[in-house]
Every structure is written in structure tokens, then in C-alpha cells.
All heavy atoms as atom14 arrays in JSON, in Angstrom:
{
  "sequence": "AAAAGPPVALVRWPSAWQAIGLLLLAAVMACKVWLNLRINLNWDE",
  "atom14_mask": [
    [1, 1, 1, 1, 1, 0, 0, 0, 0, 0, 0, 0, 0, 0],
    [1, 1, 1, 1, 1, 0, 0, 0, 0, 0, 0, 0, 0, 0],
    [1, 1, 1, 1, 1, 0, 0, 0, 0, 0, 0, 0, 0, 0],
    [1, 1, 1, 1, 1, 0, 0, 0, 0, 0, 0, 0, 0, 0],
    [1, 1, 1, 1, 0, 0, 0, 0, 0, 0, 0, 0, 0, 0],
    [1, 1, 1, 1, 1, 1, 1, 0, 0, 0, 0, 0, 0, 0],
    [1, 1, 1, 1, 1, 1, 1, 0, 0, 0, 0, 0, 0, 0],
    [1, 1, 1, 1, 1, 1, 1, 0, 0, 0, 0, 0, 0, 0],
    [1, 1, 1, 1, 1, 0, 0, 0, 0, 0, 0, 0, 0, 0],
    [1, 1, 1, 1, 1, 1, 1, 1, 0, 0, 0, 0, 0, 0],
    [1, 1, 1, 1, 1, 1, 1, 0, 0, 0, 0, 0, 0, 0],
    [1, 1, 1, 1, 1, 1, 1, 1, 1, 1, 1, 0, 0, 0],
    [1, 1, 1, 1, 1, 1, 1, 1, 1, 1, 1, 1, 1, 1],
    [1, 1, 1, 1, 1, 1, 1, 0, 0, 0, 0, 0, 0, 0],
    [1, 1, 1, 1, 1, 1, 0, 0, 0, 0, 0, 0, 0, 0],
    [1, 1, 1, 1, 1, 0, 0, 0, 0, 0, 0, 0, 0, 0],
    [1, 1, 1, 1, 1, 1, 1, 1, 1, 1, 1, 1, 1, 1],
    [1, 1, 1, 1, 1, 1, 1, 1, 1, 0, 0, 0, 0, 0],
    [1, 1, 1, 1, 1, 0, 0, 0, 0, 0, 0, 0, 0, 0],
    [1, 1, 1, 1, 1, 1, 1, 1, 0, 0, 0, 0, 0, 0],
    [1, 1, 1, 1, 0, 0, 0, 0, 0, 0, 0, 0, 0, 0],
    [1, 1, 1, 1, 1, 1, 1, 1, 0, 0, 0, 0, 0, 0],
    [1, 1, 1, 1, 1, 1, 1, 1, 0, 0, 0, 0, 0, 0],
    [1, 1, 1, 1, 1, 1, 1, 1, 0, 0, 0, 0, 0, 0],
    [1, 1, 1, 1, 1, 1, 1, 1, 0, 0, 0, 0, 0, 0],
    [1, 1, 1, 1, 1, 0, 0, 0, 0, 0, 0, 0, 0, 0],
    [1, 1, 1, 1, 1, 0, 0, 0, 0, 0, 0, 0, 0, 0],
    [1, 1, 1, 1, 1, 1, 1, 0, 0, 0, 0, 0, 0, 0],
    [1, 1, 1, 1, 1, 1, 1, 1, 0, 0, 0, 0, 0, 0],
    [1, 1, 1, 1, 1, 0, 0, 0, 0, 0, 0, 0, 0, 0],
    [1, 1, 1, 1, 1, 1, 0, 0, 0, 0, 0, 0, 0, 0],
    [1, 1, 1, 1, 1, 1, 1, 1, 1, 0, 0, 0, 0, 0],
    [1, 1, 1, 1, 1, 1, 1, 0, 0, 0, 0, 0, 0, 0],
    [1, 1, 1, 1, 1, 1, 1, 1, 1, 1, 1, 1, 1, 1],
    [1, 1, 1, 1, 1, 1, 1, 1, 0, 0, 0, 0, 0, 0],
    [1, 1, 1, 1, 1, 1, 1, 1, 0, 0, 0, 0, 0, 0],
    [1, 1, 1, 1, 1, 1, 1, 1, 0, 0, 0, 0, 0, 0],
    [1, 1, 1, 1, 1, 1, 1, 1, 1, 1, 1, 0, 0, 0],
    [1, 1, 1, 1, 1, 1, 1, 1, 0, 0, 0, 0, 0, 0],
    [1, 1, 1, 1, 1, 1, 1, 1, 0, 0, 0, 0, 0, 0],
    [1, 1, 1, 1, 1, 1, 1, 1, 0, 0, 0, 0, 0, 0],
    [1, 1, 1, 1, 1, 1, 1, 1, 0, 0, 0, 0, 0, 0],
    [1, 1, 1, 1, 1, 1, 1, 1, 1, 1, 1, 1, 1, 1],
    [1, 1, 1, 1, 1, 1, 1, 1, 0, 0, 0, 0, 0, 0],
    [1, 1, 1, 1, 1, 1, 1, 1, 1, 0, 0, 0, 0, 0]
  ],
  "atom14_positions": [
    [[13.68, 41.29, 9.12], [13.61, 40.22, 8.14], [14.7, 40.39, 7.1], [15.32, 39.41, 6.67], [12.25, 40.19, 7.47], [0.0, 0.0, 0.0], [0.0, 0.0, 0.0], [0.0, 0.0, 0.0], [0.0, 0.0, 0.0], [0.0, 0.0, 0.0], [0.0, 0.0, 0.0], [0.0, 0.0, 0.0], [0.0, 0.0, 0.0], [0.0, 0.0, 0.0]],
    [[14.97, 41.61, 6.68], [16.01, 41.86, 5.7], [17.39, 41.55, 6.29], [18.27, 41.05, 5.6], [15.95, 43.3, 5.21], [0.0, 0.0, 0.0], [0.0, 0.0, 0.0], [0.0, 0.0, 0.0], [0.0, 0.0, 0.0], [0.0, 0.0, 0.0], [0.0, 0.0, 0.0], [0.0, 0.0, 0.0], [0.0, 0.0, 0.0], [0.0, 0.0, 0.0]],
    [[17.57, 41.83, 7.56], [18.85, 41.57, 8.2], [19.08, 40.07, 8.37], [20.23, 39.6, 8.4], [18.91, 42.26, 9.56], [0.0, 0.0, 0.0], [0.0, 0.0, 0.0], [0.0, 0.0, 0.0], [0.0, 0.0, 0.0], [0.0, 0.0, 0.0], [0.0, 0.0, 0.0], [0.0, 0.0, 0.0], [0.0, 0.0, 0.0], [0.0, 0.0, 0.0]],
    [[18.0, 39.32, 8.47], [18.14, 37.87, 8.65], [18.59, 37.16, 7.38], [19.04, 36.03, 7.43], [16.8, 37.27, 9.11], [0.0, 0.0, 0.0], [0.0, 0.0, 0.0], [0.0, 0.0, 0.0], [0.0, 0.0, 0.0], [0.0, 0.0, 0.0], [0.0, 0.0, 0.0], [0.0, 0.0, 0.0], [0.0, 0.0, 0.0], [0.0, 0.0, 0.0]],
    [[18.49, 37.81, 6.23], [18.94, 37.2, 4.97], [17.76, 36.61, 4.22], [16.61, 36.72, 4.63], [0.0, 0.0, 0.0], [0.0, 0.0, 0.0], [0.0, 0.0, 0.0], [0.0, 0.0, 0.0], [0.0, 0.0, 0.0], [0.0, 0.0, 0.0], [0.0, 0.0, 0.0], [0.0, 0.0, 0.0], [0.0, 0.0, 0.0], [0.0, 0.0, 0.0]],
    [[18.05, 35.95, 3.12], [16.97, 35.37, 2.3], [16.3, 34.21, 3.04], [16.93, 33.57, 3.87], [17.7, 34.9, 1.04], [19.11, 34.72, 1.44], [19.35, 35.72, 2.54], [0.0, 0.0, 0.0], [0.0, 0.0, 0.0], [0.0, 0.0, 0.0], [0.0, 0.0, 0.0], [0.0, 0.0, 0.0], [0.0, 0.0, 0.0], [0.0, 0.0, 0.0]],
    [[15.03, 33.98, 2.72], [14.35, 32.88, 3.4], [14.96, 31.52, 3.0], [15.44, 31.35, 1.89], [12.9, 32.99, 2.9], [13.0, 33.78, 1.64], [14.2, 34.67, 1.78], [0.0, 0.0, 0.0], [0.0, 0.0, 0.0], [0.0, 0.0, 0.0], [0.0, 0.0, 0.0], [0.0, 0.0, 0.0], [0.0, 0.0, 0.0], [0.0, 0.0, 0.0]],
    [[14.94, 30.61, 3.92], [15.47, 29.28, 3.68], [14.4, 28.45, 2.97], [13.24, 28.42, 3.4], [15.86, 28.61, 5.03], [16.33, 27.18, 4.78], [16.91, 29.42, 5.74], [0.0, 0.0, 0.0], [0.0, 0.0, 0.0], [0.0, 0.0, 0.0], [0.0, 0.0, 0.0], [0.0, 0.0, 0.0], [0.0, 0.0, 0.0], [0.0, 0.0, 0.0]],
    [[14.77, 27.82, 1.88], [13.82, 27.01, 1.13], [13.55, 25.71, 1.9], [14.47, 25.03, 2.34], [14.37, 26.69, -0.24], [0.0, 0.0, 0.0], [0.0, 0.0, 0.0], [0.0, 0.0, 0.0], [0.0, 0.0, 0.0], [0.0, 0.0, 0.0], [0.0, 0.0, 0.0], [0.0, 0.0, 0.0], [0.0, 0.0, 0.0], [0.0, 0.0, 0.0]],
    [[12.29, 25.41, 2.07], [11.92, 24.18, 2.76], [12.06, 22.96, 1.85], [12.32, 21.86, 2.31], [10.49, 24.27, 3.28], [10.24, 25.35, 4.33], [8.77, 25.4, 4.7], [11.09, 25.11, 5.55], [0.0, 0.0, 0.0], [0.0, 0.0, 0.0], [0.0, 0.0, 0.0], [0.0, 0.0, 0.0], [0.0, 0.0, 0.0], [0.0, 0.0, 0.0]],
    [[11.87, 23.16, 0.56], [11.99, 22.08, -0.41], [13.13, 22.41, -1.36], [13.18, 23.52, -1.89], [10.67, 21.91, -1.21], [10.82, 20.84, -2.27], [9.52, 21.58, -0.27], [0.0, 0.0, 0.0], [0.0, 0.0, 0.0], [0.0, 0.0, 0.0], [0.0, 0.0, 0.0], [0.0, 0.0, 0.0], [0.0, 0.0, 0.0], [0.0, 0.0, 0.0]],
    [[14.02, 21.47, -1.55], [15.11, 21.69, -2.5], [14.7, 21.08, -3.82], [14.6, 19.86, -3.97], [16.38, 21.03, -1.99], [17.55, 21.31, -2.84], [18.84, 20.8, -2.22], [19.85, 20.84, -3.22], [20.62, 19.82, -3.53], [20.52, 18.71, -2.88], [21.53, 19.94, -4.47], [0.0, 0.0, 0.0], [0.0, 0.0, 0.0], [0.0, 0.0, 0.0]],
    [[14.39, 21.91, -4.79], [13.93, 21.45, -6.1], [15.1, 20.9, -6.88], [16.22, 21.41, -6.81], [13.28, 22.6, -6.86], [12.03, 23.07, -6.18], [11.9, 24.17, -5.42], [10.77, 22.42, -6.17], [10.63, 24.28, -4.92], [9.91, 23.2, -5.37], [10.28, 21.24, -6.73], [8.58, 22.85, -5.14], [8.97, 20.9, -6.51], [8.13, 21.7, -5.72]],
    [[14.88, 19.85, -7.66], [15.98, 19.28, -8.45], [16.4, 20.23, -9.57], [15.6, 21.02, -10.05], [15.38, 17.98, -9.01], [13.91, 18.17, -8.95], [13.63, 19.13, -7.84], [0.0, 0.0, 0.0], [0.0, 0.0, 0.0], [0.0, 0.0, 0.0], [0.0, 0.0, 0.0], [0.0, 0.0, 0.0], [0.0, 0.0, 0.0], [0.0, 0.0, 0.0]],
    [[17.66, 20.08, -9.96], [18.16, 20.85, -11.09], [17.52, 20.29, -12.36], [16.86, 19.26, -12.35], [19.68, 20.74, -11.17], [20.04, 19.43, -11.59], [0.0, 0.0, 0.0], [0.0, 0.0, 0.0], [0.0, 0.0, 0.0], [0.0, 0.0, 0.0], [0.0, 0.0, 0.0], [0.0, 0.0, 0.0], [0.0, 0.0, 0.0], [0.0, 0.0, 0.0]],
    [[17.73, 20.99, -13.47], [17.17, 20.52, -14.74], [17.7, 19.13, -15.09], [16.95, 18.27, -15.55], [17.5, 21.51, -15.85], [0.0, 0.0, 0.0], [0.0, 0.0, 0.0], [0.0, 0.0, 0.0], [0.0, 0.0, 0.0], [0.0, 0.0, 0.0], [0.0, 0.0, 0.0], [0.0, 0.0, 0.0], [0.0, 0.0, 0.0], [0.0, 0.0, 0.0]],
    [[19.0, 18.89, -14.84], [19.58, 17.58, -15.12], [18.97, 16.49, -14.25], [18.7, 15.39, -14.7], [21.09, 17.6, -14.96], [21.78, 18.34, -16.05], [22.41, 19.55, -15.96], [21.89, 17.93, -17.42], [22.9, 19.92, -17.18], [22.6, 18.94, -18.1], [21.45, 16.84, -18.13], [22.9, 18.86, -19.45], [21.74, 16.75, -19.48], [22.45, 17.75, -20.12]],
    [[18.75, 16.81, -12.98], [18.14, 15.85, -12.08], [16.69, 15.57, -12.49], [16.24, 14.42, -12.42], [18.21, 16.33, -10.64], [19.61, 16.29, -10.07], [19.7, 16.99, -8.72], [19.02, 17.98, -8.5], [20.53, 16.46, -7.85], [0.0, 0.0, 0.0], [0.0, 0.0, 0.0], [0.0, 0.0, 0.0], [0.0, 0.0, 0.0], [0.0, 0.0, 0.0]],
    [[15.98, 16.59, -12.91], [14.59, 16.4, -13.35], [14.55, 15.51, -14.59], [13.68, 14.62, -14.7], [13.94, 17.76, -13.63], [0.0, 0.0, 0.0], [0.0, 0.0, 0.0], [0.0, 0.0, 0.0], [0.0, 0.0, 0.0], [0.0, 0.0, 0.0], [0.0, 0.0, 0.0], [0.0, 0.0, 0.0], [0.0, 0.0, 0.0], [0.0, 0.0, 0.0]],
    [[15.48, 15.73, -15.51], [15.55, 14.87, -16.7], [15.82, 13.43, -16.28], [15.18, 12.5, -16.76], [16.63, 15.38, -17.67], [16.19, 16.71, -18.3], [16.95, 14.34, -18.74], [17.28, 17.41, -19.07], [0.0, 0.0, 0.0], [0.0, 0.0, 0.0], [0.0, 0.0, 0.0], [0.0, 0.0, 0.0], [0.0, 0.0, 0.0], [0.0, 0.0, 0.0]],
    [[16.75, 13.25, -15.37], [17.06, 11.92, -14.88], [15.88, 11.25, -14.21], [15.59, 10.07, -14.45], [0.0, 0.0, 0.0], [0.0, 0.0, 0.0], [0.0, 0.0, 0.0], [0.0, 0.0, 0.0], [0.0, 0.0, 0.0], [0.0, 0.0, 0.0], [0.0, 0.0, 0.0], [0.0, 0.0, 0.0], [0.0, 0.0, 0.0], [0.0, 0.0, 0.0]],
    [[15.15, 11.99, -13.38], [13.97, 11.44, -12.72], [12.91, 11.03, -13.73], [12.3, 9.95, -13.61], [13.39, 12.46, -11.75], [14.09, 12.63, -10.41], [13.53, 13.84, -9.67], [13.93, 11.37, -9.58], [0.0, 0.0, 0.0], [0.0, 0.0, 0.0], [0.0, 0.0, 0.0], [0.0, 0.0, 0.0], [0.0, 0.0, 0.0], [0.0, 0.0, 0.0]],
    [[12.7, 11.86, -14.74], [11.72, 11.53, -15.77], [12.13, 10.29, -16.57], [11.29, 9.43, -16.85], [11.51, 12.72, -16.71], [10.76, 13.91, -16.09], [10.76, 15.08, -17.06], [9.34, 13.51, -15.74], [0.0, 0.0, 0.0], [0.0, 0.0, 0.0], [0.0, 0.0, 0.0], [0.0, 0.0, 0.0], [0.0, 0.0, 0.0], [0.0, 0.0, 0.0]],
    [[13.4, 10.21, -16.92], [13.87, 9.02, -17.66], [13.75, 7.76, -16.82], [13.31, 6.72, -17.33], [15.31, 9.23, -18.11], [15.53, 10.22, -19.26], [17.01, 10.47, -19.48], [14.89, 9.68, -20.53], [0.0, 0.0, 0.0], [0.0, 0.0, 0.0], [0.0, 0.0, 0.0], [0.0, 0.0, 0.0], [0.0, 0.0, 0.0], [0.0, 0.0, 0.0]],
    [[14.13, 7.85, -15.55], [14.01, 6.68, -14.68], [12.56, 6.26, -14.51], [12.24, 5.06, -14.53], [14.66, 6.97, -13.32], [16.19, 7.0, -13.31], [16.69, 7.54, -11.98], [16.75, 5.62, -13.57], [0.0, 0.0, 0.0], [0.0, 0.0, 0.0], [0.0, 0.0, 0.0], [0.0, 0.0, 0.0], [0.0, 0.0, 0.0], [0.0, 0.0, 0.0]],
    [[11.68, 7.23, -14.34], [10.25, 6.91, -14.21], [9.72, 6.28, -15.49], [8.93, 5.33, -15.43], [9.47, 8.18, -13.87], [0.0, 0.0, 0.0], [0.0, 0.0, 0.0], [0.0, 0.0, 0.0], [0.0, 0.0, 0.0], [0.0, 0.0, 0.0], [0.0, 0.0, 0.0], [0.0, 0.0, 0.0], [0.0, 0.0, 0.0], [0.0, 0.0, 0.0]],
    [[10.17, 6.77, -16.64], [9.71, 6.19, -17.92], [10.19, 4.76, -18.07], [9.43, 3.89, -18.51], [10.21, 7.06, -19.08], [0.0, 0.0, 0.0], [0.0, 0.0, 0.0], [0.0, 0.0, 0.0], [0.0, 0.0, 0.0], [0.0, 0.0, 0.0], [0.0, 0.0, 0.0], [0.0, 0.0, 0.0], [0.0, 0.0, 0.0], [0.0, 0.0, 0.0]],
    [[11.44, 4.5, -17.72], [11.96, 3.13, -17.84], [11.25, 2.22, -16.86], [10.9, 1.08, -17.21], [13.48, 3.11, -17.62], [14.01, 1.69, -17.57], [14.18, 3.87, -18.73], [0.0, 0.0, 0.0], [0.0, 0.0, 0.0], [0.0, 0.0, 0.0], [0.0, 0.0, 0.0], [0.0, 0.0, 0.0], [0.0, 0.0, 0.0], [0.0, 0.0, 0.0]],
    [[10.99, 2.67, -15.65], [10.26, 1.84, -14.68], [8.84, 1.57, -15.17], [8.32, 0.48, -14.98], [10.26, 2.49, -13.29], [11.59, 2.41, -12.56], [12.2, 0.73, -12.27], [11.1, 0.17, -10.98], [0.0, 0.0, 0.0], [0.0, 0.0, 0.0], [0.0, 0.0, 0.0], [0.0, 0.0, 0.0], [0.0, 0.0, 0.0], [0.0, 0.0, 0.0]],
    [[8.21, 2.54, -15.8], [6.87, 2.33, -16.37], [6.94, 1.29, -17.48], [6.04, 0.43, -17.59], [6.3, 3.64, -16.89], [0.0, 0.0, 0.0], [0.0, 0.0, 0.0], [0.0, 0.0, 0.0], [0.0, 0.0, 0.0], [0.0, 0.0, 0.0], [0.0, 0.0, 0.0], [0.0, 0.0, 0.0], [0.0, 0.0, 0.0], [0.0, 0.0, 0.0]],
    [[7.98, 1.32, -18.29], [8.16, 0.3, -19.32], [8.34, -1.07, -18.69], [7.83, -2.07, -19.21], [9.37, 0.62, -20.2], [9.11, 1.98, -21.34], [0.0, 0.0, 0.0], [0.0, 0.0, 0.0], [0.0, 0.0, 0.0], [0.0, 0.0, 0.0], [0.0, 0.0, 0.0], [0.0, 0.0, 0.0], [0.0, 0.0, 0.0], [0.0, 0.0, 0.0]],
    [[9.04, -1.13, -17.58], [9.24, -2.41, -16.87], [7.89, -2.96, -16.42], [7.66, -4.17, -16.49], [10.17, -2.25, -15.67], [11.61, -2.03, -16.0], [12.25, -3.26, -16.6], [12.17, -4.44, -15.67], [12.37, -5.72, -16.32], [0.0, 0.0, 0.0], [0.0, 0.0, 0.0], [0.0, 0.0, 0.0], [0.0, 0.0, 0.0], [0.0, 0.0, 0.0]],
    [[7.01, -2.11, -15.92], [5.69, -2.57, -15.49], [4.94, -3.15, -16.69], [4.33, -4.22, -16.6], [4.9, -1.42, -14.83], [3.45, -1.79, -14.62], [5.56, -1.02, -13.51], [0.0, 0.0, 0.0], [0.0, 0.0, 0.0], [0.0, 0.0, 0.0], [0.0, 0.0, 0.0], [0.0, 0.0, 0.0], [0.0, 0.0, 0.0], [0.0, 0.0, 0.0]],
    [[5.0, -2.46, -17.8], [4.33, -2.94, -19.01], [4.97, -4.27, -19.48], [4.25, -5.2, -19.86], [4.42, -1.88, -20.1], [3.75, -2.27, -21.37], [2.41, -2.25, -21.63], [4.4, -2.73, -22.56], [2.18, -2.69, -22.91], [3.38, -2.98, -23.5], [5.73, -2.95, -22.92], [3.66, -3.46, -24.79], [6.0, -3.41, -24.19], [4.97, -3.65, -25.11]],
    [[6.3, -4.36, -19.42], [6.98, -5.58, -19.84], [6.65, -6.77, -18.94], [6.69, -7.92, -19.39], [8.49, -5.37, -19.88], [9.04, -4.66, -21.1], [10.53, -4.41, -20.94], [8.79, -5.47, -22.35], [0.0, 0.0, 0.0], [0.0, 0.0, 0.0], [0.0, 0.0, 0.0], [0.0, 0.0, 0.0], [0.0, 0.0, 0.0], [0.0, 0.0, 0.0]],
    [[6.35, -6.49, -17.68], [5.97, -7.57, -16.75], [4.84, -8.41, -17.33], [4.78, -9.61, -17.13], [5.52, -6.99, -15.42], [6.59, -7.05, -14.39], [7.62, -7.67, -14.56], [6.34, -6.39, -13.28], [0.0, 0.0, 0.0], [0.0, 0.0, 0.0], [0.0, 0.0, 0.0], [0.0, 0.0, 0.0], [0.0, 0.0, 0.0], [0.0, 0.0, 0.0]],
    [[3.94, -7.74, -18.0], [2.78, -8.43, -18.55], [3.04, -9.01, -19.94], [2.22, -9.78, -20.44], [1.6, -7.45, -18.61], [1.19, -6.84, -17.28], [0.19, -5.73, -17.46], [0.66, -7.92, -16.34], [0.0, 0.0, 0.0], [0.0, 0.0, 0.0], [0.0, 0.0, 0.0], [0.0, 0.0, 0.0], [0.0, 0.0, 0.0], [0.0, 0.0, 0.0]],
    [[4.14, -8.64, -20.56], [4.39, -9.03, -21.95], [5.48, -10.09, -22.11], [5.44, -10.88, -23.03], [4.81, -7.8, -22.77], [3.76, -6.72, -22.78], [2.63, -7.09, -23.72], [1.69, -6.01, -23.83], [0.43, -6.07, -23.45], [-0.03, -7.15, -22.9], [-0.38, -5.06, -23.6], [0.0, 0.0, 0.0], [0.0, 0.0, 0.0], [0.0, 0.0, 0.0]],
    [[6.48, -10.05, -21.23], [7.6, -10.99, -21.38], [7.15, -12.39, -20.97], [6.43, -12.56, -19.99], [8.81, -10.52, -20.54], [9.43, -9.29, -21.19], [9.85, -11.61, -20.39], [10.65, -8.76, -20.49], [0.0, 0.0, 0.0], [0.0, 0.0, 0.0], [0.0, 0.0, 0.0], [0.0, 0.0, 0.0], [0.0, 0.0, 0.0], [0.0, 0.0, 0.0]],
    [[7.6, -13.38, -21.73], [7.23, -14.77, -21.44], [7.61, -15.17, -20.02], [8.65, -14.77, -19.5], [7.93, -15.72, -22.42], [7.44, -15.55, -23.82], [6.34, -15.05, -24.05], [8.24, -15.98, -24.78], [0.0, 0.0, 0.0], [0.0, 0.0, 0.0], [0.0, 0.0, 0.0], [0.0, 0.0, 0.0], [0.0, 0.0, 0.0], [0.0, 0.0, 0.0]],
    [[6.77, -15.99, -19.44], [7.09, -16.59, -18.16], [8.09, -17.7, -18.42], [7.93, -18.49, -19.35], [5.83, -17.15, -17.49], [4.71, -16.14, -17.28], [3.49, -16.83, -16.7], [5.15, -15.01, -16.38], [0.0, 0.0, 0.0], [0.0, 0.0, 0.0], [0.0, 0.0, 0.0], [0.0, 0.0, 0.0], [0.0, 0.0, 0.0], [0.0, 0.0, 0.0]],
    [[9.12, -17.79, -17.6], [10.19, -18.75, -17.83], [10.07, -19.94, -16.9], [9.52, -19.84, -15.79], [11.56, -18.09, -17.65], [11.79, -17.03, -18.7], [11.75, -17.31, -19.89], [12.02, -15.79, -18.27], [0.0, 0.0, 0.0], [0.0, 0.0, 0.0], [0.0, 0.0, 0.0], [0.0, 0.0, 0.0], [0.0, 0.0, 0.0], [0.0, 0.0, 0.0]],
    [[10.63, -21.06, -17.32], [10.54, -22.29, -16.53], [11.14, -22.11, -15.15], [10.65, -22.68, -14.18], [11.22, -23.45, -17.27], [12.71, -23.32, -17.31], [13.46, -22.74, -18.28], [13.63, -23.77, -16.31], [14.79, -22.79, -17.95], [14.93, -23.42, -16.74], [13.5, -24.42, -15.09], [16.07, -23.69, -16.0], [14.64, -24.71, -14.34], [15.9, -24.35, -14.81]],
    [[12.24, -21.32, -15.04], [12.87, -21.19, -13.74], [12.01, -20.38, -12.76], [12.11, -20.57, -11.54], [14.28, -20.61, -13.85], [14.34, -19.28, -14.56], [13.39, -18.95, -15.3], [15.35, -18.58, -14.4], [0.0, 0.0, 0.0], [0.0, 0.0, 0.0], [0.0, 0.0, 0.0], [0.0, 0.0, 0.0], [0.0, 0.0, 0.0], [0.0, 0.0, 0.0]],
    [[11.13, -19.51, -13.27], [10.21, -18.81, -12.4], [9.18, -19.79, -11.84], [8.82, -19.72, -10.65], [9.53, -17.67, -13.14], [10.49, -16.55, -13.51], [9.83, -15.47, -14.32], [9.45, -15.74, -15.48], [9.7, -14.35, -13.78], [0.0, 0.0, 0.0], [0.0, 0.0, 0.0], [0.0, 0.0, 0.0], [0.0, 0.0, 0.0], [0.0, 0.0, 0.0]]
  ]
}
């Protein structure tokens, strides 16, 4: 096992920057869901 090298990770975890980006994107999408119910319906819809 030692000769084979370190174990291969099955899941590649995001870096700190990627995690921040994912959280920000999720927060903005959650705001969009909330805004769906709040923004006026428009005549063109």
C-alpha cells in the first residue's frame, strides 16, 4: 500500500474560493426565489 502511493480521493472538494463562490451563488439564487413572489407581475408576462 505504501509503494502504491497516497490514496486517490474519490471526491474533489472545492477550494476555499470555490466554496465562497458556491455560497454566494446559492444566496443570490435564494434571493431570486424570494423576489419571484415580490416583484410585480408585468403586462408582457
